[in-house]
Amino acid sequence: MKFGVSTFLTDEGIGPAALGPALEGRGFDALFLAEHSHIPASRETPYPGGGELPRVYYRTLDPLVALAATAVVTRDLLLGTGIAIVVQRDPIHTAKEVATLDLVSGGRAVFGVGAGWNREEMRNHGTDPRGRGRLMDERIRAIIALWTQEEAEFHGDFVDFDPVFAWPKPVQRPHPPIYVGGGSERTFARVAEYGSVWMPTGVHPKELGAQIDRMRQVTGAETPVVVYAAPHDPEALEAYAGLGVERVLLYLPTHPEDQTLRTLDEYAEAVSAYR
């Protein structure tokens, strides 16, 4: 089982250029960054974690810019969005940004995607939350076309363009892996259609086994599983290993550099038995 980190990078915590080498130096192989473009000051959508929305949600750095900063100071670290809120992103710009990250990192970009949860945030981008699933699927299909076609063309209900030249193309072929977040039946259908990996968030190991079985029934393949925002306690890690999870992305709280480095030392010790 491999180990990486998932976190919110903000202007108040450790910076990307410091975090990347700290992860590689401790044997972690992946960094996945959360995304929120903004958070409306007046909200109706409840925070999925319960209670008040944590401060980190409205102070996040742009994940692709931050990952590019990490790319230039690391050699092997996988650089992932966790998750990119595709329903709030222009697909042509997003295709270029992810492909650029893949190019400057030498083929280390991972495109983690999801439909999002904050309805007010979506509406500010002109997105109707009721149709966000269809919108996400169509935009991802358009992004794949932009990555893989010499003269990319796409015609859909939400995205429509005649043949275009769009570069750079990704280093990875046919394109960077797409990690699909979520836990619904529709999520599993997305994994089957265009996903490389299923990436559930913080699912307890006792519940995860049945979900993996169902996901693989839908995909018809031994699709890898990467757990996002996972705990680092020994019991959970042992259970994830027993389920055959490919990679665990430990949740790293957002703190200043010195405190973050101490936390990473603790995490490295916790996972040492599984390397």
C-alpha atoms as a PDB file:
ATOM      1  CA  MET A   1       0.000   0.000   0.000  1.00  0.00           C
ATOM      2  CA  LYS A   2       1.288   3.441  -0.941  1.00  0.00           C
ATOM      3  CA  PHE A   3       0.888   6.649   1.013  1.00  0.00           C
ATOM      4  CA  GLY A   4       0.336  10.255   0.093  1.00  0.00           C
ATOM      5  CA  VAL A   5      -1.239  13.320   1.631  1.00  0.00           C
ATOM      6  CA  SER A   6      -4.459  15.228   0.979  1.00  0.00           C
ATOM      7  CA  THR A   7      -4.787  18.754   2.286  1.00  0.00           C
ATOM      8  CA  PHE A   8      -6.043  22.298   1.908  1.00  0.00           C
ATOM      9  CA  LEU A   9      -3.179  24.626   1.028  1.00  0.00           C
ATOM     10  CA  THR A  10      -3.961  28.191   2.089  1.00  0.00           C
ATOM     11  CA  ASP A  11      -2.199  31.515   2.557  1.00  0.00           C
ATOM     12  CA  GLU A  12      -2.028  30.743   6.298  1.00  0.00           C
ATOM     13  CA  GLY A  13      -0.254  27.381   6.208  1.00  0.00           C
ATOM     14  CA  ILE A  14       2.837  25.718   4.793  1.00  0.00           C
ATOM     15  CA  GLY A  15       3.582  26.696   1.206  1.00  0.00           C
ATOM     16  CA  PRO A  16       3.685  24.297  -1.755  1.00  0.00           C
ATOM     17  CA  ALA A  17       7.425  24.705  -2.350  1.00  0.00           C
ATOM     18  CA  ALA A  18       8.149  23.630   1.235  1.00  0.00           C
ATOM     19  CA  LEU A  19       5.550  20.872   1.439  1.00  0.00           C
ATOM     20  CA  GLY A  20       6.588  18.944  -1.669  1.00  0.00           C
ATOM     21  CA  PRO A  21      10.196  18.204  -0.671  1.00  0.00           C
ATOM     22  CA  ALA A  22       9.065  17.493   2.900  1.00  0.00           C
ATOM     23  CA  LEU A  23       6.751  14.780   1.580  1.00  0.00           C
ATOM     24  CA  GLU A  24       9.339  13.205  -0.721  1.00  0.00           C
ATOM     25  CA  GLY A  25      11.931  13.281   2.030  1.00  0.00           C
ATOM     26  CA  ARG A  26       9.621  11.252   4.267  1.00  0.00           C
ATOM     27  CA  GLY A  27       8.726   8.672   1.640  1.00  0.00           C
ATOM     28  CA  PHE A  28       5.256   9.893   0.652  1.00  0.00           C
ATOM     29  CA  ASP A  29       4.504   9.542  -3.051  1.00  0.00           C
ATOM     30  CA  ALA A  30       1.528  11.839  -3.715  1.00  0.00           C
ATOM     31  CA  LEU A  31       0.061  15.240  -2.886  1.00  0.00           C
ATOM     32  CA  PHE A  32      -3.623  15.944  -3.557  1.00  0.00           C
ATOM     33  CA  LEU A  33      -4.998  19.453  -3.067  1.00  0.00           C
ATOM     34  CA  ALA A  34      -8.572  20.499  -2.401  1.00  0.00           C
ATOM     35  CA  GLU A  35     -10.303  23.211  -4.422  1.00  0.00           C
ATOM     36  CA  HIS A  36     -12.853  25.911  -3.718  1.00  0.00           C
ATOM     37  CA  SER A  37     -12.857  29.016  -5.894  1.00  0.00           C
ATOM     38  CA  HIS A  38     -14.608  30.986  -3.143  1.00  0.00           C
ATOM     39  CA  ILE A  39     -17.268  30.520  -0.481  1.00  0.00           C
ATOM     40  CA  PRO A  40     -20.384  32.720  -0.508  1.00  0.00           C
ATOM     41  CA  ALA A  41     -20.685  34.659   2.750  1.00  0.00           C
ATOM     42  CA  SER A  42     -24.356  33.716   3.030  1.00  0.00           C
ATOM     43  CA  ARG A  43     -24.822  29.960   2.706  1.00  0.00           C
ATOM     44  CA  GLU A  44     -27.793  27.623   2.753  1.00  0.00           C
ATOM     45  CA  THR A  45     -26.023  24.390   1.826  1.00  0.00           C
ATOM     46  CA  PRO A  46     -24.992  22.587   5.035  1.00  0.00           C
ATOM     47  CA  TYR A  47     -21.360  21.626   5.450  1.00  0.00           C
ATOM     48  CA  PRO A  48     -21.150  17.830   4.879  1.00  0.00           C
ATOM     49  CA  GLY A  49     -18.876  17.457   7.895  1.00  0.00           C
ATOM     50  CA  GLY A  50     -21.427  19.106  10.176  1.00  0.00           C
ATOM     51  CA  GLY A  51     -21.193  22.365  12.104  1.00  0.00           C
ATOM     52  CA  GLU A  52     -19.522  25.515  10.857  1.00  0.00           C
ATOM     53  CA  LEU A  53     -17.581  25.476   7.620  1.00  0.00           C
ATOM     54  CA  PRO A  54     -13.837  25.382   8.438  1.00  0.00           C
ATOM     55  CA  ARG A  55     -11.811  28.466   7.563  1.00  0.00           C
ATOM     56  CA  VAL A  56      -9.609  26.534   5.109  1.00  0.00           C
ATOM     57  CA  TYR A  57     -12.506  26.182   2.663  1.00  0.00           C
ATOM     58  CA  TYR A  58     -12.504  29.848   1.737  1.00  0.00           C
ATOM     59  CA  ARG A  59      -8.741  30.416   1.859  1.00  0.00           C
ATOM     60  CA  THR A  60      -7.614  27.635  -0.500  1.00  0.00           C
ATOM     61  CA  LEU A  61      -4.920  28.323  -3.053  1.00  0.00           C
ATOM     62  CA  ASP A  62      -5.673  27.433  -6.642  1.00  0.00           C
ATOM     63  CA  PRO A  63      -4.686  23.748  -6.728  1.00  0.00           C
ATOM     64  CA  LEU A  64      -3.163  23.657 -10.206  1.00  0.00           C
ATOM     65  CA  VAL A  65      -1.006  26.732  -9.617  1.00  0.00           C
ATOM     66  CA  ALA A  66       0.107  25.362  -6.245  1.00  0.00           C
ATOM     67  CA  LEU A  67       0.864  21.944  -7.730  1.00  0.00           C
ATOM     68  CA  ALA A  68       2.973  23.582 -10.444  1.00  0.00           C
ATOM     69  CA  ALA A  69       4.998  25.286  -7.702  1.00  0.00           C
ATOM     70  CA  THR A  70       5.435  21.887  -6.060  1.00  0.00           C
ATOM     71  CA  ALA A  71       6.420  20.275  -9.361  1.00  0.00           C
ATOM     72  CA  VAL A  72       9.558  22.375  -9.818  1.00  0.00           C
ATOM     73  CA  VAL A  73      10.989  21.394  -6.408  1.00  0.00           C
ATOM     74  CA  THR A  74      10.162  17.653  -6.533  1.00  0.00           C
ATOM     75  CA  ARG A  75      11.138  14.751  -8.777  1.00  0.00           C
ATOM     76  CA  ASP A  76       8.712  11.870  -8.297  1.00  0.00           C
ATOM     77  CA  LEU A  77       5.737  13.138  -6.284  1.00  0.00           C
ATOM     78  CA  LEU A  78       2.336  12.586  -7.912  1.00  0.00           C
ATOM     79  CA  LEU A  79       0.496  15.899  -8.159  1.00  0.00           C
ATOM     80  CA  GLY A  80      -3.279  15.620  -7.926  1.00  0.00           C
ATOM     81  CA  THR A  81      -6.413  17.689  -7.611  1.00  0.00           C
ATOM     82  CA  GLY A  82      -8.559  16.402  -4.820  1.00  0.00           C
ATOM     83  CA  ILE A  83     -10.928  17.322  -6.170  1.00  0.00           C
ATOM     84  CA  ALA A  84     -11.196  19.749  -9.077  1.00  0.00           C
ATOM     85  CA  ILE A  85     -14.766  21.059  -9.099  1.00  0.00           C
ATOM     86  CA  VAL A  86     -15.305  20.618 -12.818  1.00  0.00           C
ATOM     87  CA  VAL A  87     -18.819  22.080 -12.761  1.00  0.00           C
ATOM     88  CA  GLN A  88     -17.245  25.424 -11.850  1.00  0.00           C
ATOM     89  CA  ARG A  89     -14.431  25.288 -14.439  1.00  0.00           C
ATOM     90  CA  ASP A  90     -14.212  26.173 -18.096  1.00  0.00           C
ATOM     91  CA  PRO A  91     -13.237  22.908 -19.812  1.00  0.00           C
ATOM     92  CA  ILE A  92     -10.895  24.462 -22.382  1.00  0.00           C
ATOM     93  CA  HIS A  93      -8.892  26.358 -19.768  1.00  0.00           C
ATOM     94  CA  THR A  94      -8.902  23.337 -17.452  1.00  0.00           C
ATOM     95  CA  ALA A  95      -7.620  21.023 -20.171  1.00  0.00           C
ATOM     96  CA  LYS A  96      -4.737  23.408 -20.845  1.00  0.00           C
ATOM     97  CA  GLU A  97      -3.914  23.871 -17.158  1.00  0.00           C
ATOM     98  CA  VAL A  98      -3.805  20.157 -16.344  1.00  0.00           C
ATOM     99  CA  ALA A  99      -1.832  19.390 -19.507  1.00  0.00           C
ATOM    100  CA  THR A 100       0.621  22.166 -18.627  1.00  0.00           C
ATOM    101  CA  LEU A 101       1.064  20.731 -15.137  1.00  0.00           C
ATOM    102  CA  ASP A 102       1.676  17.311 -16.688  1.00  0.00           C
ATOM    103  CA  LEU A 103       4.280  18.801 -19.024  1.00  0.00           C
ATOM    104  CA  VAL A 104       6.223  20.842 -16.451  1.00  0.00           C
ATOM    105  CA  SER A 105       6.181  17.935 -13.962  1.00  0.00           C
ATOM    106  CA  GLY A 106       7.371  15.351 -16.467  1.00  0.00           C
ATOM    107  CA  GLY A 107       4.133  13.375 -16.463  1.00  0.00           C
ATOM    108  CA  ARG A 108       3.071  13.442 -12.803  1.00  0.00           C
ATOM    109  CA  ALA A 109      -0.345  15.120 -12.979  1.00  0.00           C
ATOM    110  CA  VAL A 110      -3.455  13.359 -11.669  1.00  0.00           C
ATOM    111  CA  PHE A 111      -6.885  14.800 -12.409  1.00  0.00           C
ATOM    112  CA  GLY A 112      -9.086  14.124  -9.392  1.00  0.00           C
ATOM    113  CA  VAL A 113     -12.668  15.180 -10.149  1.00  0.00           C
ATOM    114  CA  GLY A 114     -16.034  15.507  -8.479  1.00  0.00           C
ATOM    115  CA  ALA A 115     -19.365  17.283  -8.791  1.00  0.00           C
ATOM    116  CA  GLY A 116     -19.033  19.407  -5.642  1.00  0.00           C
ATOM    117  CA  TRP A 117     -21.514  20.057  -2.854  1.00  0.00           C
ATOM    118  CA  ASN A 118     -21.826  23.826  -2.229  1.00  0.00           C
ATOM    119  CA  ARG A 119     -24.815  24.945  -4.250  1.00  0.00           C
ATOM    120  CA  GLU A 120     -24.313  28.669  -3.645  1.00  0.00           C
ATOM    121  CA  GLU A 121     -20.723  28.436  -4.877  1.00  0.00           C
ATOM    122  CA  MET A 122     -21.878  26.682  -8.061  1.00  0.00           C
ATOM    123  CA  ARG A 123     -24.583  29.237  -8.757  1.00  0.00           C
ATOM    124  CA  ASN A 124     -22.000  32.032  -8.670  1.00  0.00           C
ATOM    125  CA  HIS A 125     -20.329  30.257 -11.598  1.00  0.00           C
ATOM    126  CA  GLY A 126     -23.594  30.099 -13.513  1.00  0.00           C
ATOM    127  CA  THR A 127     -24.088  26.400 -12.765  1.00  0.00           C
ATOM    128  CA  ASP A 128     -27.504  24.996 -11.917  1.00  0.00           C
ATOM    129  CA  PRO A 129     -26.803  22.512  -9.092  1.00  0.00           C
ATOM    130  CA  ARG A 130     -29.681  20.301 -10.247  1.00  0.00           C
ATOM    131  CA  GLY A 131     -27.852  19.415 -13.468  1.00  0.00           C
ATOM    132  CA  ARG A 132     -24.303  19.379 -12.196  1.00  0.00           C
ATOM    133  CA  GLY A 133     -23.762  15.670 -12.770  1.00  0.00           C
ATOM    134  CA  ARG A 134     -24.555  15.850 -16.480  1.00  0.00           C
ATOM    135  CA  LEU A 135     -22.518  19.041 -16.783  1.00  0.00           C
ATOM    136  CA  MET A 136     -19.501  17.445 -15.105  1.00  0.00           C
ATOM    137  CA  ASP A 137     -19.615  14.374 -17.321  1.00  0.00           C
ATOM    138  CA  GLU A 138     -19.842  16.423 -20.492  1.00  0.00           C
ATOM    139  CA  ARG A 139     -17.018  18.758 -19.512  1.00  0.00           C
ATOM    140  CA  ILE A 140     -14.749  15.831 -18.695  1.00  0.00           C
ATOM    141  CA  ARG A 141     -15.507  14.229 -22.053  1.00  0.00           C
ATOM    142  CA  ALA A 142     -14.631  17.543 -23.715  1.00  0.00           C
ATOM    143  CA  ILE A 143     -11.386  17.791 -21.735  1.00  0.00           C
ATOM    144  CA  ILE A 144     -10.407  14.284 -22.826  1.00  0.00           C
ATOM    145  CA  ALA A 145     -11.084  15.265 -26.438  1.00  0.00           C
ATOM    146  CA  LEU A 146      -8.856  18.337 -26.070  1.00  0.00           C
ATOM    147  CA  TRP A 147      -6.079  16.179 -24.603  1.00  0.00           C
ATOM    148  CA  THR A 148      -6.225  13.375 -27.138  1.00  0.00           C
ATOM    149  CA  GLN A 149      -7.292  14.809 -30.512  1.00  0.00           C
ATOM    150  CA  GLU A 150      -5.038  16.717 -32.931  1.00  0.00           C
ATOM    151  CA  GLU A 151      -7.976  18.882 -33.951  1.00  0.00           C
ATOM    152  CA  ALA A 152     -10.308  18.535 -31.017  1.00  0.00           C
ATOM    153  CA  GLU A 153     -14.037  18.812 -31.604  1.00  0.00           C
ATOM    154  CA  PHE A 154     -16.943  18.430 -29.206  1.00  0.00           C
ATOM    155  CA  HIS A 155     -20.684  18.925 -29.492  1.00  0.00           C
ATOM    156  CA  GLY A 156     -22.895  18.512 -26.465  1.00  0.00           C
ATOM    157  CA  ASP A 157     -25.693  20.151 -24.518  1.00  0.00           C
ATOM    158  CA  PHE A 158     -23.335  22.221 -22.351  1.00  0.00           C
ATOM    159  CA  VAL A 159     -20.039  22.249 -24.274  1.00  0.00           C
ATOM    160  CA  ASP A 160     -19.894  22.888 -27.979  1.00  0.00           C
ATOM    161  CA  PHE A 161     -16.921  23.716 -30.192  1.00  0.00           C
ATOM    162  CA  ASP A 162     -15.872  23.000 -33.762  1.00  0.00           C
ATOM    163  CA  PRO A 163     -12.335  21.689 -34.469  1.00  0.00           C
ATOM    164  CA  VAL A 164      -9.674  23.541 -32.479  1.00  0.00           C
ATOM    165  CA  PHE A 165      -5.935  23.358 -31.916  1.00  0.00           C
ATOM    166  CA  ALA A 166      -5.236  23.043 -28.199  1.00  0.00           C
ATOM    167  CA  TRP A 167      -1.735  22.545 -26.787  1.00  0.00           C
ATOM    168  CA  PRO A 168       0.170  21.417 -24.848  1.00  0.00           C
ATOM    169  CA  LYS A 169      -0.956  17.828 -24.971  1.00  0.00           C
ATOM    170  CA  PRO A 170      -0.290  15.853 -21.765  1.00  0.00           C
ATOM    171  CA  VAL A 171       2.949  13.891 -21.417  1.00  0.00           C
ATOM    172  CA  GLN A 172       1.031  10.857 -20.145  1.00  0.00           C
ATOM    173  CA  ARG A 173      -0.769   8.802 -22.764  1.00  0.00           C
ATOM    174  CA  PRO A 174      -3.540   8.746 -23.561  1.00  0.00           C
ATOM    175  CA  HIS A 175      -3.954  11.406 -20.856  1.00  0.00           C
ATOM    176  CA  PRO A 176      -3.397  11.955 -17.110  1.00  0.00           C
ATOM    177  CA  PRO A 177      -5.257   9.457 -14.928  1.00  0.00           C
ATOM    178  CA  ILE A 178      -8.702  10.564 -13.799  1.00  0.00           C
ATOM    179  CA  TYR A 179      -9.544   9.777 -10.176  1.00  0.00           C
ATOM    180  CA  VAL A 180     -13.298   9.949  -9.612  1.00  0.00           C
ATOM    181  CA  GLY A 181     -14.543  11.102  -6.221  1.00  0.00           C
ATOM    182  CA  GLY A 182     -17.927  10.283  -4.686  1.00  0.00           C
ATOM    183  CA  GLY A 183     -19.753   7.188  -3.524  1.00  0.00           C
ATOM    184  CA  SER A 184     -22.991   6.879  -5.486  1.00  0.00           C
ATOM    185  CA  GLU A 185     -24.049   4.453  -8.189  1.00  0.00           C
ATOM    186  CA  ARG A 186     -23.540   7.270 -10.689  1.00  0.00           C
ATOM    187  CA  THR A 187     -19.993   7.681  -9.375  1.00  0.00           C
ATOM    188  CA  PHE A 188     -19.286   4.052 -10.155  1.00  0.00           C
ATOM    189  CA  ALA A 189     -20.705   4.494 -13.666  1.00  0.00           C
ATOM    190  CA  ARG A 190     -18.328   7.438 -14.149  1.00  0.00           C
ATOM    191  CA  VAL A 191     -15.403   5.299 -13.022  1.00  0.00           C
ATOM    192  CA  ALA A 192     -16.451   2.715 -15.591  1.00  0.00           C
ATOM    193  CA  GLU A 193     -16.739   5.309 -18.357  1.00  0.00           C
ATOM    194  CA  TYR A 194     -13.676   7.512 -17.922  1.00  0.00           C
ATOM    195  CA  GLY A 195     -12.059   6.888 -14.545  1.00  0.00           C
ATOM    196  CA  SER A 196      -8.733   5.268 -13.795  1.00  0.00           C
ATOM    197  CA  VAL A 197      -9.290   5.064 -10.031  1.00  0.00           C
ATOM    198  CA  TRP A 198     -12.162   5.339  -7.568  1.00  0.00           C
ATOM    199  CA  MET A 199     -11.324   7.886  -4.847  1.00  0.00           C
ATOM    200  CA  PRO A 200     -13.775   7.818  -1.907  1.00  0.00           C
ATOM    201  CA  THR A 201     -13.388  10.412   0.837  1.00  0.00           C
ATOM    202  CA  GLY A 202     -12.722   9.315   4.392  1.00  0.00           C
ATOM    203  CA  VAL A 203     -14.833   6.165   4.204  1.00  0.00           C
ATOM    204  CA  HIS A 204     -14.478   3.977   7.285  1.00  0.00           C
ATOM    205  CA  PRO A 205     -12.892   0.617   6.430  1.00  0.00           C
ATOM    206  CA  LYS A 206     -15.913  -1.265   7.818  1.00  0.00           C
ATOM    207  CA  GLU A 207     -18.095   0.355   5.148  1.00  0.00           C
ATOM    208  CA  LEU A 208     -15.551   0.428   2.357  1.00  0.00           C
ATOM    209  CA  GLY A 209     -15.360  -3.278   1.546  1.00  0.00           C
ATOM    210  CA  ALA A 210     -18.967  -3.554   0.351  1.00  0.00           C
ATOM    211  CA  GLN A 211     -18.612  -0.337  -1.632  1.00  0.00           C
ATOM    212  CA  ILE A 212     -15.482  -1.630  -3.374  1.00  0.00           C
ATOM    213  CA  ASP A 213     -17.307  -4.818  -4.297  1.00  0.00           C
ATOM    214  CA  ARG A 214     -20.220  -2.853  -5.757  1.00  0.00           C
ATOM    215  CA  MET A 215     -17.932  -0.439  -7.600  1.00  0.00           C
ATOM    216  CA  ARG A 216     -16.103  -3.325  -9.252  1.00  0.00           C
ATOM    217  CA  GLN A 217     -19.373  -4.978 -10.203  1.00  0.00           C
ATOM    218  CA  VAL A 218     -20.286  -1.801 -12.078  1.00  0.00           C
ATOM    219  CA  THR A 219     -16.887  -1.272 -13.674  1.00  0.00           C
ATOM    220  CA  GLY A 220     -16.364  -4.938 -14.489  1.00  0.00           C
ATOM    221  CA  ALA A 221     -12.689  -4.601 -13.574  1.00  0.00           C
ATOM    222  CA  GLU A 222     -10.300  -4.645 -10.632  1.00  0.00           C
ATOM    223  CA  THR A 223     -10.359  -0.852 -10.533  1.00  0.00           C
ATOM    224  CA  PRO A 224      -7.835   0.558  -8.042  1.00  0.00           C
ATOM    225  CA  VAL A 225      -9.037   2.390  -4.934  1.00  0.00           C
ATOM    226  CA  VAL A 226      -7.350   5.440  -3.407  1.00  0.00           C
ATOM    227  CA  VAL A 227      -8.803   6.681  -0.114  1.00  0.00           C
ATOM    228  CA  TYR A 228      -8.844  10.473   0.187  1.00  0.00           C
ATOM    229  CA  ALA A 229      -8.643  12.252   3.566  1.00  0.00           C
ATOM    230  CA  ALA A 230      -7.898   9.047   5.434  1.00  0.00           C
ATOM    231  CA  PRO A 231      -7.034   8.758   9.144  1.00  0.00           C
ATOM    232  CA  HIS A 232      -3.566   7.621  10.168  1.00  0.00           C
ATOM    233  CA  ASP A 233      -4.476   5.412  13.122  1.00  0.00           C
ATOM    234  CA  PRO A 234      -3.031   1.863  12.972  1.00  0.00           C
ATOM    235  CA  GLU A 235      -6.399   0.075  13.034  1.00  0.00           C
ATOM    236  CA  ALA A 236      -7.681   1.980   9.997  1.00  0.00           C
ATOM    237  CA  LEU A 237      -4.438   1.534   8.070  1.00  0.00           C
ATOM    238  CA  GLU A 238      -4.433  -2.192   8.758  1.00  0.00           C
ATOM    239  CA  ALA A 239      -8.000  -2.465   7.538  1.00  0.00           C
ATOM    240  CA  TYR A 240      -7.313  -0.477   4.351  1.00  0.00           C
ATOM    241  CA  ALA A 241      -4.352  -2.731   3.617  1.00  0.00           C
ATOM    242  CA  GLY A 242      -6.535  -5.787   4.131  1.00  0.00           C
ATOM    243  CA  LEU A 243      -9.035  -4.448   1.597  1.00  0.00           C
ATOM    244  CA  GLY A 244      -6.329  -4.091  -1.025  1.00  0.00           C
ATOM    245  CA  VAL A 245      -6.475  -0.288  -1.182  1.00  0.00           C
ATOM    246  CA  GLU A 246      -3.782   0.910  -3.571  1.00  0.00           C
ATOM    247  CA  ARG A 247      -2.989   4.208  -1.870  1.00  0.00           C
ATOM    248  CA  VAL A 248      -4.069   6.054   1.251  1.00  0.00           C
ATOM    249  CA  LEU A 249      -4.033   9.852   1.183  1.00  0.00           C
ATOM    250  CA  LEU A 250      -3.676  10.843   4.826  1.00  0.00           C
ATOM    251  CA  TYR A 251      -5.526  14.023   5.754  1.00  0.00           C
ATOM    252  CA  LEU A 252      -2.993  16.725   6.655  1.00  0.00           C
ATOM    253  CA  PRO A 253      -4.413  19.634   8.703  1.00  0.00           C
ATOM    254  CA  THR A 254      -3.508  23.119   7.495  1.00  0.00           C
ATOM    255  CA  HIS A 255      -0.877  24.598   9.810  1.00  0.00           C
ATOM    256  CA  PRO A 256       2.286  26.708   9.580  1.00  0.00           C
ATOM    257  CA  GLU A 257       5.431  25.019   8.315  1.00  0.00           C
ATOM    258  CA  ASP A 258       7.047  23.976  11.596  1.00  0.00           C
ATOM    259  CA  GLN A 259       3.888  22.360  12.930  1.00  0.00           C
ATOM    260  CA  THR A 260       3.209  20.669   9.578  1.00  0.00           C
ATOM    261  CA  LEU A 261       6.674  19.130   9.499  1.00  0.00           C
ATOM    262  CA  ARG A 262       6.147  17.663  12.974  1.00  0.00           C
ATOM    263  CA  THR A 263       2.836  16.196  11.833  1.00  0.00           C
ATOM    264  CA  LEU A 264       4.502  14.652   8.778  1.00  0.00           C
ATOM    265  CA  ASP A 265       7.125  13.061  11.016  1.00  0.00           C
ATOM    266  CA  GLU A 266       4.290  11.511  13.019  1.00  0.00           C
ATOM    267  CA  TYR A 267       2.579  10.264   9.864  1.00  0.00           C
ATOM    268  CA  ALA A 268       5.814   8.803   8.475  1.00  0.00           C
ATOM    269  CA  GLU A 269       6.254   6.822  11.663  1.00  0.00           C
ATOM    270  CA  ALA A 270       2.651   5.595  11.538  1.00  0.00           C
ATOM    271  CA  VAL A 271       2.942   4.234   8.000  1.00  0.00           C
ATOM    272  CA  SER A 272       6.465   2.838   8.263  1.00  0.00           C
ATOM    273  CA  ALA A 273       5.181  -0.689   8.958  1.00  0.00           C
ATOM    274  CA  TYR A 274       3.418  -0.819   5.579  1.00  0.00           C
ATOM    275  CA  ARG A 275       6.392   0.092   3.371  1.00  0.00           C
END
